[in-house]
Every structure is written in structure tokens, then in C-alpha cells.
């Protein structure tokens, strides 16, 4: 499978390039970088430490997608939206690990899924997506009047969106278990005299600092007992491996918008 990697000069991009080079069923087709990047024209394999792979970094997305089977995309909402449109026009696989989308972005990506095979998730880790299933099951089993749900997440100091895409993924799983809309139930900020906690609320707490790859904990707190479900990412390669698993899975599917839970059969 011939894959184009977006942001191939970044930390996630270099990890993807390295894992693609090691995988017997994958090949690096092209490497994208932002306009003006000092890495443009360099061999993506050399940047990733694999040795030359013949894929020179370019800012031309249309050229990078020509002849590809799929694109792996951990970038920005605007870039992902544009790539979804290009992938749809070519019938490609588009794996999206980007977070921070607006409602308009989500709608545009959903429209692009009519032509592309899009796998989109706030977290590409196989473990996190299993965790989301466990959270949904727990939220469904434990009534909101007896158990309160709080989601705590921590990431490195450079992360720009909050709550994290993973925290929102877990929040949506909890909301699905309770058959409510997350937007109506979520509490993102607490400051000052907030009053008692509303029954059925799904709370979020966001921590930032250091080089933390990603820690997430979902607490279901009842009277006299508390259930804690969590995941700790120790290396970014878990996200890259999940994304490549998704790309191979989507290669045999019809156009549509899929999640990592679809990939795992959950």
C-alpha cells in the first residue's frame, strides 16, 4: 500500500515514515511538509533515520497524492479538511488523527467520505479505543443519579487544543452510554462559586506540562466507591501503529466515514 505522510518532518511524521519503511505491506509514496518549511526537498527517510527512501518533502499536496493509495494525516483542521477533499476526488484512504475540528470542518469531512475511505479518530491508539468501549459500557450500566463521570487528561506543554481529542472521544463514549448529547452534558470549566454538581454532568479537567505524551483517566464516582478507567501513552509510536493498522483495514472498504472502533470491530 502506497502511503503519503503529512508533516513527515515532524515527530509523528518521522515515526510514521520509520514504521512504514519497516512494514512489509507498506511503502512510503510521498512526504508532505508545510509551505516554507526548511525541510522541503530533503529525503523523508533521511530525516526519519531509515536511510534514503526516495520521497523528497514537498508542499504540493496534489502532487503528493497522485498515484498514492492513501494518506496518513496528523496535521491541522484546515489541512485535514483540504486533504479530505483531495482524497475524495481520488477515492483514497484518508486516516485522520488531527484534533480540534469545528462543526463546519466535521461537516466537510463527512461530505468527503462519500468519495474517500476516511478513518477519523481523536486517538489512533488501539488501547484508547478499547478504553472508549469500556467507558460506554460502564456509563450505560451505572445510573447518573448514583455515579458522576469526570475525565482528566494531561499532555505536553506544546499541545494547543483542550480538552484533548482523546478526552472528547471518551466523553462521547460516556454520553453514548447514557444516551445524551455530550455538548449538553459536558462541563469544561469550574471557577469560583459553582454550586452543586449537576446530576448527569460529564466533567473535564485539562492539565498541560512537560513532555507528557498523553494520560487519560475516566472516573465514575459514587457514594463510597469509585471506578477508574485509564490509559497512559508512553511513546508516540502507539498512535502511528494504530494509524497504519487503520490504513490497511480501510484499503478493502467502501467509501465512508469510519472510526477506530470500526477498525477494531468493537
C-alpha atoms as a PDB file:
ATOM      1  CA  UNK A   1       0.000   0.000   0.000  1.00  0.00           C
ATOM      2  CA  UNK A   2       1.497   3.329  -1.122  1.00  0.00           C
ATOM      3  CA  UNK A   3       1.084   5.970   1.559  1.00  0.00           C
ATOM      4  CA  UNK A   4       1.652   9.712   1.682  1.00  0.00           C
ATOM      5  CA  UNK A   5       2.651  11.048   5.098  1.00  0.00           C
ATOM      6  CA  UNK A   6       1.597  14.564   6.101  1.00  0.00           C
ATOM      7  CA  UNK A   7       4.085  16.506   8.219  1.00  0.00           C
ATOM      8  CA  UNK A   8       6.766  13.936   7.506  1.00  0.00           C
ATOM      9  CA  UNK A   9       9.414  16.179   9.064  1.00  0.00           C
ATOM     10  CA  UNK A  10       7.634  16.352  12.456  1.00  0.00           C
ATOM     11  CA  UNK A  11       7.854  13.960  15.382  1.00  0.00           C
ATOM     12  CA  UNK A  12       4.790  11.938  14.409  1.00  0.00           C
ATOM     13  CA  UNK A  13       5.671  12.111  10.727  1.00  0.00           C
ATOM     14  CA  UNK A  14       9.160  10.750  11.269  1.00  0.00           C
ATOM     15  CA  UNK A  15       7.743   7.918  13.366  1.00  0.00           C
ATOM     16  CA  UNK A  16       5.269   7.059  10.597  1.00  0.00           C
ATOM     17  CA  UNK A  17       7.997   7.096   7.944  1.00  0.00           C
ATOM     18  CA  UNK A  18      10.139   4.759  10.017  1.00  0.00           C
ATOM     19  CA  UNK A  19       7.314   2.295  10.666  1.00  0.00           C
ATOM     20  CA  UNK A  20       6.223   2.331   7.014  1.00  0.00           C
ATOM     21  CA  UNK A  21       9.781   1.526   5.950  1.00  0.00           C
ATOM     22  CA  UNK A  22       9.787  -1.464   8.331  1.00  0.00           C
ATOM     23  CA  UNK A  23       6.370  -2.822   7.268  1.00  0.00           C
ATOM     24  CA  UNK A  24       6.309  -5.488   4.524  1.00  0.00           C
ATOM     25  CA  UNK A  25       2.897  -4.407   3.192  1.00  0.00           C
ATOM     26  CA  UNK A  26       3.507  -0.636   3.130  1.00  0.00           C
ATOM     27  CA  UNK A  27       5.612   1.770   1.089  1.00  0.00           C
ATOM     28  CA  UNK A  28       6.261   5.480   1.503  1.00  0.00           C
ATOM     29  CA  UNK A  29       4.859   7.107  -1.638  1.00  0.00           C
ATOM     30  CA  UNK A  30       5.341  10.791  -0.817  1.00  0.00           C
ATOM     31  CA  UNK A  31       6.053  13.153   2.068  1.00  0.00           C
ATOM     32  CA  UNK A  32       4.292  16.453   2.727  1.00  0.00           C
ATOM     33  CA  UNK A  33       5.511  19.449   4.735  1.00  0.00           C
ATOM     34  CA  UNK A  34       4.094  22.927   5.216  1.00  0.00           C
ATOM     35  CA  UNK A  35       4.893  25.708   2.777  1.00  0.00           C
ATOM     36  CA  UNK A  36       8.149  27.406   3.741  1.00  0.00           C
ATOM     37  CA  UNK A  37       9.441  24.530   5.863  1.00  0.00           C
ATOM     38  CA  UNK A  38      13.263  24.289   5.867  1.00  0.00           C
ATOM     39  CA  UNK A  39      12.847  20.528   5.377  1.00  0.00           C
ATOM     40  CA  UNK A  40      11.396  20.893   1.854  1.00  0.00           C
ATOM     41  CA  UNK A  41      13.444  18.949  -0.689  1.00  0.00           C
ATOM     42  CA  UNK A  42      15.005  16.655   1.896  1.00  0.00           C
ATOM     43  CA  UNK A  43      14.567  12.886   1.795  1.00  0.00           C
ATOM     44  CA  UNK A  44      11.950  11.833   4.368  1.00  0.00           C
ATOM     45  CA  UNK A  45      13.854   8.634   5.078  1.00  0.00           C
ATOM     46  CA  UNK A  46      16.991  10.526   5.967  1.00  0.00           C
ATOM     47  CA  UNK A  47      15.045  12.717   8.403  1.00  0.00           C
ATOM     48  CA  UNK A  48      13.486   9.624   9.983  1.00  0.00           C
ATOM     49  CA  UNK A  49      16.825   7.839  10.289  1.00  0.00           C
ATOM     50  CA  UNK A  50      15.997   4.956   7.947  1.00  0.00           C
ATOM     51  CA  UNK A  51      18.312   5.981   5.128  1.00  0.00           C
ATOM     52  CA  UNK A  52      17.130   7.387   1.782  1.00  0.00           C
ATOM     53  CA  UNK A  53      13.656   6.306   0.658  1.00  0.00           C
ATOM     54  CA  UNK A  54      13.342   8.480  -2.452  1.00  0.00           C
ATOM     55  CA  UNK A  55      10.462  10.568  -1.075  1.00  0.00           C
ATOM     56  CA  UNK A  56      11.509  14.229  -1.014  1.00  0.00           C
ATOM     57  CA  UNK A  57       9.440  16.549   1.140  1.00  0.00           C
ATOM     58  CA  UNK A  58       7.067  18.730  -0.852  1.00  0.00           C
ATOM     59  CA  UNK A  59       4.396  21.291  -0.038  1.00  0.00           C
ATOM     60  CA  UNK A  60       2.345  20.352  -3.123  1.00  0.00           C
ATOM     61  CA  UNK A  61      -0.477  18.166  -1.812  1.00  0.00           C
ATOM     62  CA  UNK A  62      -1.910  17.317  -5.225  1.00  0.00           C
ATOM     63  CA  UNK A  63       1.447  16.017  -6.443  1.00  0.00           C
ATOM     64  CA  UNK A  64       1.986  14.081  -3.200  1.00  0.00           C
ATOM     65  CA  UNK A  65      -1.378  12.320  -3.533  1.00  0.00           C
ATOM     66  CA  UNK A  66      -1.077  11.498  -7.232  1.00  0.00           C
ATOM     67  CA  UNK A  67      -0.580   7.735  -7.506  1.00  0.00           C
ATOM     68  CA  UNK A  68      -0.974   7.125  -3.776  1.00  0.00           C
ATOM     69  CA  UNK A  69      -3.334   4.587  -2.208  1.00  0.00           C
ATOM     70  CA  UNK A  70      -3.785   6.561   0.989  1.00  0.00           C
ATOM     71  CA  UNK A  71      -2.687   9.455   3.156  1.00  0.00           C
ATOM     72  CA  UNK A  72      -1.857   9.484   6.874  1.00  0.00           C
ATOM     73  CA  UNK A  73      -2.706  12.840   8.391  1.00  0.00           C
ATOM     74  CA  UNK A  74      -1.839  14.206  11.835  1.00  0.00           C
ATOM     75  CA  UNK A  75      -1.896  17.904  10.950  1.00  0.00           C
ATOM     76  CA  UNK A  76      -4.276  20.845  11.431  1.00  0.00           C
ATOM     77  CA  UNK A  77      -8.043  21.079  10.907  1.00  0.00           C
ATOM     78  CA  UNK A  78      -7.660  23.269   7.804  1.00  0.00           C
ATOM     79  CA  UNK A  79      -5.090  20.918   6.257  1.00  0.00           C
ATOM     80  CA  UNK A  80      -7.119  17.804   7.047  1.00  0.00           C
ATOM     81  CA  UNK A  81     -10.233  19.345   5.538  1.00  0.00           C
ATOM     82  CA  UNK A  82      -8.387  20.171   2.316  1.00  0.00           C
ATOM     83  CA  UNK A  83      -6.809  16.711   2.149  1.00  0.00           C
ATOM     84  CA  UNK A  84     -10.206  15.073   2.667  1.00  0.00           C
ATOM     85  CA  UNK A  85     -11.489  16.870  -0.420  1.00  0.00           C
ATOM     86  CA  UNK A  86      -8.461  15.752  -2.452  1.00  0.00           C
ATOM     87  CA  UNK A  87      -8.756  12.188  -1.159  1.00  0.00           C
ATOM     88  CA  UNK A  88     -12.434  12.100  -2.097  1.00  0.00           C
ATOM     89  CA  UNK A  89     -11.677  13.203  -5.652  1.00  0.00           C
ATOM     90  CA  UNK A  90      -9.197  10.330  -5.974  1.00  0.00           C
ATOM     91  CA  UNK A  91     -11.024   7.640  -3.969  1.00  0.00           C
ATOM     92  CA  UNK A  92      -8.157   7.322  -1.499  1.00  0.00           C
ATOM     93  CA  UNK A  93      -7.892   6.081   2.056  1.00  0.00           C
ATOM     94  CA  UNK A  94      -7.542   9.053   4.419  1.00  0.00           C
ATOM     95  CA  UNK A  95      -6.559   8.344   8.019  1.00  0.00           C
ATOM     96  CA  UNK A  96      -7.138  11.442  10.171  1.00  0.00           C
ATOM     97  CA  UNK A  97      -5.564  11.740  13.597  1.00  0.00           C
ATOM     98  CA  UNK A  98      -5.955  15.524  13.701  1.00  0.00           C
ATOM     99  CA  UNK A  99      -7.983  17.077  16.547  1.00  0.00           C
ATOM    100  CA  UNK A 100      -9.609  20.450  17.210  1.00  0.00           C
ATOM    101  CA  UNK A 101     -12.164  20.419  14.377  1.00  0.00           C
ATOM    102  CA  UNK A 102     -15.042  22.892  14.175  1.00  0.00           C
ATOM    103  CA  UNK A 103     -18.585  21.818  13.329  1.00  0.00           C
ATOM    104  CA  UNK A 104     -18.042  23.111   9.777  1.00  0.00           C
ATOM    105  CA  UNK A 105     -14.865  21.044   9.460  1.00  0.00           C
ATOM    106  CA  UNK A 106     -16.690  17.931  10.646  1.00  0.00           C
ATOM    107  CA  UNK A 107     -19.444  18.506   8.099  1.00  0.00           C
ATOM    108  CA  UNK A 108     -16.934  18.948   5.259  1.00  0.00           C
ATOM    109  CA  UNK A 109     -15.101  15.758   6.195  1.00  0.00           C
ATOM    110  CA  UNK A 110     -18.391  13.886   6.401  1.00  0.00           C
ATOM    111  CA  UNK A 111     -19.218  15.095   2.893  1.00  0.00           C
ATOM    112  CA  UNK A 112     -15.804  13.998   1.605  1.00  0.00           C
ATOM    113  CA  UNK A 113     -16.458  10.488   2.934  1.00  0.00           C
ATOM    114  CA  UNK A 114     -18.842   9.946   0.027  1.00  0.00           C
ATOM    115  CA  UNK A 115     -15.757   9.541  -2.159  1.00  0.00           C
ATOM    116  CA  UNK A 116     -12.937   8.689   0.247  1.00  0.00           C
ATOM    117  CA  UNK A 117     -12.451   5.907   2.779  1.00  0.00           C
ATOM    118  CA  UNK A 118     -11.891   8.037   5.849  1.00  0.00           C
ATOM    119  CA  UNK A 119     -10.885   6.664   9.239  1.00  0.00           C
ATOM    120  CA  UNK A 120     -11.057   9.501  11.759  1.00  0.00           C
ATOM    121  CA  UNK A 121     -10.391   9.353  15.476  1.00  0.00           C
ATOM    122  CA  UNK A 122      -9.358  11.688  18.268  1.00  0.00           C
ATOM    123  CA  UNK A 123      -6.840   8.996  19.181  1.00  0.00           C
ATOM    124  CA  UNK A 124      -5.385   6.295  16.944  1.00  0.00           C
ATOM    125  CA  UNK A 125      -4.150   4.116  19.814  1.00  0.00           C
ATOM    126  CA  UNK A 126      -5.729   0.673  19.851  1.00  0.00           C
ATOM    127  CA  UNK A 127      -5.749   0.755  23.656  1.00  0.00           C
ATOM    128  CA  UNK A 128      -7.576   4.079  23.898  1.00  0.00           C
ATOM    129  CA  UNK A 129     -10.296   2.912  21.549  1.00  0.00           C
ATOM    130  CA  UNK A 130     -10.791  -0.231  23.611  1.00  0.00           C
ATOM    131  CA  UNK A 131     -10.971   2.064  26.657  1.00  0.00           C
ATOM    132  CA  UNK A 132     -13.743   4.072  24.980  1.00  0.00           C
ATOM    133  CA  UNK A 133     -15.803   0.896  24.648  1.00  0.00           C
ATOM    134  CA  UNK A 134     -15.294   0.111  28.331  1.00  0.00           C
ATOM    135  CA  UNK A 135     -16.306   3.659  29.282  1.00  0.00           C
ATOM    136  CA  UNK A 136     -19.502   3.426  27.239  1.00  0.00           C
ATOM    137  CA  UNK A 137     -20.353   0.084  28.851  1.00  0.00           C
ATOM    138  CA  UNK A 138     -19.742   1.438  32.356  1.00  0.00           C
ATOM    139  CA  UNK A 139     -21.745   4.615  31.727  1.00  0.00           C
ATOM    140  CA  UNK A 140     -24.663   2.573  30.475  1.00  0.00           C
ATOM    141  CA  UNK A 141     -24.581   0.241  33.473  1.00  0.00           C
ATOM    142  CA  UNK A 142     -24.189   2.852  36.228  1.00  0.00           C
ATOM    143  CA  UNK A 143     -27.072   5.357  36.615  1.00  0.00           C
ATOM    144  CA  UNK A 144     -26.270   9.099  36.537  1.00  0.00           C
ATOM    145  CA  UNK A 145     -28.063   9.647  39.830  1.00  0.00           C
ATOM    146  CA  UNK A 146     -25.637   7.291  41.570  1.00  0.00           C
ATOM    147  CA  UNK A 147     -22.355   7.792  39.685  1.00  0.00           C
ATOM    148  CA  UNK A 148     -20.720  11.012  38.462  1.00  0.00           C
ATOM    149  CA  UNK A 149     -18.372  10.954  35.459  1.00  0.00           C
ATOM    150  CA  UNK A 150     -15.164  13.004  35.386  1.00  0.00           C
ATOM    151  CA  UNK A 151     -12.478  12.871  32.676  1.00  0.00           C
ATOM    152  CA  UNK A 152      -8.934  14.025  33.477  1.00  0.00           C
ATOM    153  CA  UNK A 153      -6.289  14.406  30.782  1.00  0.00           C
ATOM    154  CA  UNK A 154      -2.686  15.608  30.678  1.00  0.00           C
ATOM    155  CA  UNK A 155      -0.443  16.373  27.694  1.00  0.00           C
ATOM    156  CA  UNK A 156       2.860  18.079  26.932  1.00  0.00           C
ATOM    157  CA  UNK A 157       3.213  21.842  27.146  1.00  0.00           C
ATOM    158  CA  UNK A 158       3.079  22.306  23.349  1.00  0.00           C
ATOM    159  CA  UNK A 159      -0.439  20.924  22.809  1.00  0.00           C
ATOM    160  CA  UNK A 160      -2.719  23.711  21.578  1.00  0.00           C
ATOM    161  CA  UNK A 161      -6.267  22.312  21.897  1.00  0.00           C
ATOM    162  CA  UNK A 162      -8.194  21.478  25.061  1.00  0.00           C
ATOM    163  CA  UNK A 163      -9.795  19.229  26.085  1.00  0.00           C
ATOM    164  CA  UNK A 164      -7.763  16.789  24.045  1.00  0.00           C
ATOM    165  CA  UNK A 165      -9.341  14.920  21.164  1.00  0.00           C
ATOM    166  CA  UNK A 166      -8.954  11.752  23.208  1.00  0.00           C
ATOM    167  CA  UNK A 167     -10.752  13.254  26.210  1.00  0.00           C
ATOM    168  CA  UNK A 168     -13.620  14.263  23.927  1.00  0.00           C
ATOM    169  CA  UNK A 169     -13.656  10.785  22.378  1.00  0.00           C
ATOM    170  CA  UNK A 170     -14.009   9.323  25.877  1.00  0.00           C
ATOM    171  CA  UNK A 171     -16.636  11.919  26.738  1.00  0.00           C
ATOM    172  CA  UNK A 172     -18.661  10.981  23.676  1.00  0.00           C
ATOM    173  CA  UNK A 173     -18.407   7.325  24.689  1.00  0.00           C
ATOM    174  CA  UNK A 174     -19.738   8.170  28.162  1.00  0.00           C
ATOM    175  CA  UNK A 175     -22.529  10.271  26.656  1.00  0.00           C
ATOM    176  CA  UNK A 176     -23.463   7.452  24.276  1.00  0.00           C
ATOM    177  CA  UNK A 177     -23.684   5.062  27.227  1.00  0.00           C
ATOM    178  CA  UNK A 178     -26.102   7.431  28.938  1.00  0.00           C
ATOM    179  CA  UNK A 179     -27.924   8.275  25.699  1.00  0.00           C
ATOM    180  CA  UNK A 180     -27.344  12.020  25.966  1.00  0.00           C
ATOM    181  CA  UNK A 181     -25.569  14.605  23.809  1.00  0.00           C
ATOM    182  CA  UNK A 182     -22.095  15.414  25.112  1.00  0.00           C
ATOM    183  CA  UNK A 183     -22.493  19.121  24.278  1.00  0.00           C
ATOM    184  CA  UNK A 184     -25.499  19.342  26.583  1.00  0.00           C
ATOM    185  CA  UNK A 185     -23.945  17.348  29.438  1.00  0.00           C
ATOM    186  CA  UNK A 186     -20.298  18.437  29.446  1.00  0.00           C
ATOM    187  CA  UNK A 187     -18.751  20.805  31.990  1.00  0.00           C
ATOM    188  CA  UNK A 188     -15.415  22.168  30.739  1.00  0.00           C
ATOM    189  CA  UNK A 189     -14.598  24.926  33.266  1.00  0.00           C
ATOM    190  CA  UNK A 190     -15.084  25.316  37.013  1.00  0.00           C
ATOM    191  CA  UNK A 191     -14.073  28.507  38.774  1.00  0.00           C
ATOM    192  CA  UNK A 192     -15.405  30.397  41.749  1.00  0.00           C
ATOM    193  CA  UNK A 193     -18.685  29.505  43.472  1.00  0.00           C
ATOM    194  CA  UNK A 194     -20.042  26.903  41.048  1.00  0.00           C
ATOM    195  CA  UNK A 195     -22.822  25.466  43.173  1.00  0.00           C
ATOM    196  CA  UNK A 196     -23.502  21.728  43.470  1.00  0.00           C
ATOM    197  CA  UNK A 197     -22.567  19.409  40.656  1.00  0.00           C
ATOM    198  CA  UNK A 198     -25.468  18.929  38.187  1.00  0.00           C
ATOM    199  CA  UNK A 199     -26.727  15.368  38.033  1.00  0.00           C
ATOM    200  CA  UNK A 200     -25.671  13.666  34.808  1.00  0.00           C
ATOM    201  CA  UNK A 201     -22.858  16.111  34.035  1.00  0.00           C
ATOM    202  CA  UNK A 202     -19.712  14.815  32.308  1.00  0.00           C
ATOM    203  CA  UNK A 203     -16.818  16.857  33.656  1.00  0.00           C
ATOM    204  CA  UNK A 204     -13.453  17.556  32.049  1.00  0.00           C
ATOM    205  CA  UNK A 205     -10.178  18.595  33.669  1.00  0.00           C
ATOM    206  CA  UNK A 206      -7.225  19.587  31.469  1.00  0.00           C
ATOM    207  CA  UNK A 207      -3.580  19.532  32.566  1.00  0.00           C
ATOM    208  CA  UNK A 208      -0.576  20.673  30.495  1.00  0.00           C
ATOM    209  CA  UNK A 209       3.139  20.406  31.190  1.00  0.00           C
ATOM    210  CA  UNK A 210       6.490  18.901  30.379  1.00  0.00           C
ATOM    211  CA  UNK A 211       6.788  16.214  27.731  1.00  0.00           C
ATOM    212  CA  UNK A 212       3.773  14.041  28.656  1.00  0.00           C
ATOM    213  CA  UNK A 213       2.693  12.057  25.589  1.00  0.00           C
ATOM    214  CA  UNK A 214      -0.851  11.507  26.810  1.00  0.00           C
ATOM    215  CA  UNK A 215      -2.517  10.447  30.070  1.00  0.00           C
ATOM    216  CA  UNK A 216      -6.287   9.927  30.314  1.00  0.00           C
ATOM    217  CA  UNK A 217      -8.430   8.813  33.215  1.00  0.00           C
ATOM    218  CA  UNK A 218     -12.197   8.382  33.400  1.00  0.00           C
ATOM    219  CA  UNK A 219     -13.607   8.306  36.917  1.00  0.00           C
ATOM    220  CA  UNK A 220     -17.097   7.117  37.805  1.00  0.00           C
ATOM    221  CA  UNK A 221     -17.574   8.322  41.349  1.00  0.00           C
ATOM    222  CA  UNK A 222     -20.386   7.008  43.507  1.00  0.00           C
ATOM    223  CA  UNK A 223     -21.228   7.109  47.199  1.00  0.00           C
ATOM    224  CA  UNK A 224     -18.485   5.165  48.957  1.00  0.00           C
ATOM    225  CA  UNK A 225     -16.865   3.787  45.791  1.00  0.00           C
ATOM    226  CA  UNK A 226     -15.093   4.940  42.661  1.00  0.00           C
ATOM    227  CA  UNK A 227     -14.297   3.192  39.380  1.00  0.00           C
ATOM    228  CA  UNK A 228     -11.253   4.433  37.447  1.00  0.00           C
ATOM    229  CA  UNK A 229     -10.559   3.514  33.840  1.00  0.00           C
ATOM    230  CA  UNK A 230      -7.391   4.877  32.288  1.00  0.00           C
ATOM    231  CA  UNK A 231      -4.747   4.819  29.603  1.00  0.00           C
ATOM    232  CA  UNK A 232      -1.191   6.115  29.533  1.00  0.00           C
ATOM    233  CA  UNK A 233       0.680   6.568  26.255  1.00  0.00           C
ATOM    234  CA  UNK A 234       4.413   6.187  26.800  1.00  0.00           C
ATOM    235  CA  UNK A 235       5.537   6.623  23.199  1.00  0.00           C
ATOM    236  CA  UNK A 236       4.049   8.320  20.113  1.00  0.00           C
ATOM    237  CA  UNK A 237       4.581   5.140  18.125  1.00  0.00           C
ATOM    238  CA  UNK A 238       1.321   3.741  19.555  1.00  0.00           C
ATOM    239  CA  UNK A 239      -0.600   6.378  17.584  1.00  0.00           C
ATOM    240  CA  UNK A 240       1.421   5.762  14.425  1.00  0.00           C
ATOM    241  CA  UNK A 241       0.927   1.984  14.608  1.00  0.00           C
ATOM    242  CA  UNK A 242      -2.797   2.449  15.061  1.00  0.00           C
ATOM    243  CA  UNK A 243      -2.967   4.787  12.070  1.00  0.00           C
ATOM    244  CA  UNK A 244      -1.169   2.297   9.839  1.00  0.00           C
ATOM    245  CA  UNK A 245      -3.454  -0.501  11.062  1.00  0.00           C
ATOM    246  CA  UNK A 246      -6.402   1.715  10.103  1.00  0.00           C
ATOM    247  CA  UNK A 247      -4.995   2.413   6.639  1.00  0.00           C
ATOM    248  CA  UNK A 248      -4.557  -1.277   5.845  1.00  0.00           C
ATOM    249  CA  UNK A 249      -8.065  -2.044   7.156  1.00  0.00           C
ATOM    250  CA  UNK A 250      -9.689   0.750   5.139  1.00  0.00           C
ATOM    251  CA  UNK A 251      -7.979  -0.345   1.940  1.00  0.00           C
ATOM    252  CA  UNK A 252     -10.611  -3.015   1.462  1.00  0.00           C
ATOM    253  CA  UNK A 253     -13.644  -0.948   2.429  1.00  0.00           C
ATOM    254  CA  UNK A 254     -16.215   1.105   0.516  1.00  0.00           C
ATOM    255  CA  UNK A 255     -16.138   4.919   0.746  1.00  0.00           C
ATOM    256  CA  UNK A 256     -17.425   6.149   4.086  1.00  0.00           C
ATOM    257  CA  UNK A 257     -16.551   7.687   7.419  1.00  0.00           C
ATOM    258  CA  UNK A 258     -15.183   5.140   9.867  1.00  0.00           C
ATOM    259  CA  UNK A 259     -13.767   5.187  13.397  1.00  0.00           C
ATOM    260  CA  UNK A 260     -11.053   3.202  15.105  1.00  0.00           C
ATOM    261  CA  UNK A 261     -13.801   1.250  16.833  1.00  0.00           C
ATOM    262  CA  UNK A 262     -14.844   0.076  13.366  1.00  0.00           C
ATOM    263  CA  UNK A 263     -11.238  -0.952  12.686  1.00  0.00           C
ATOM    264  CA  UNK A 264     -11.164  -2.973  15.908  1.00  0.00           C
ATOM    265  CA  UNK A 265     -14.631  -4.442  15.349  1.00  0.00           C
ATOM    266  CA  UNK A 266     -15.909  -3.013  18.624  1.00  0.00           C
END
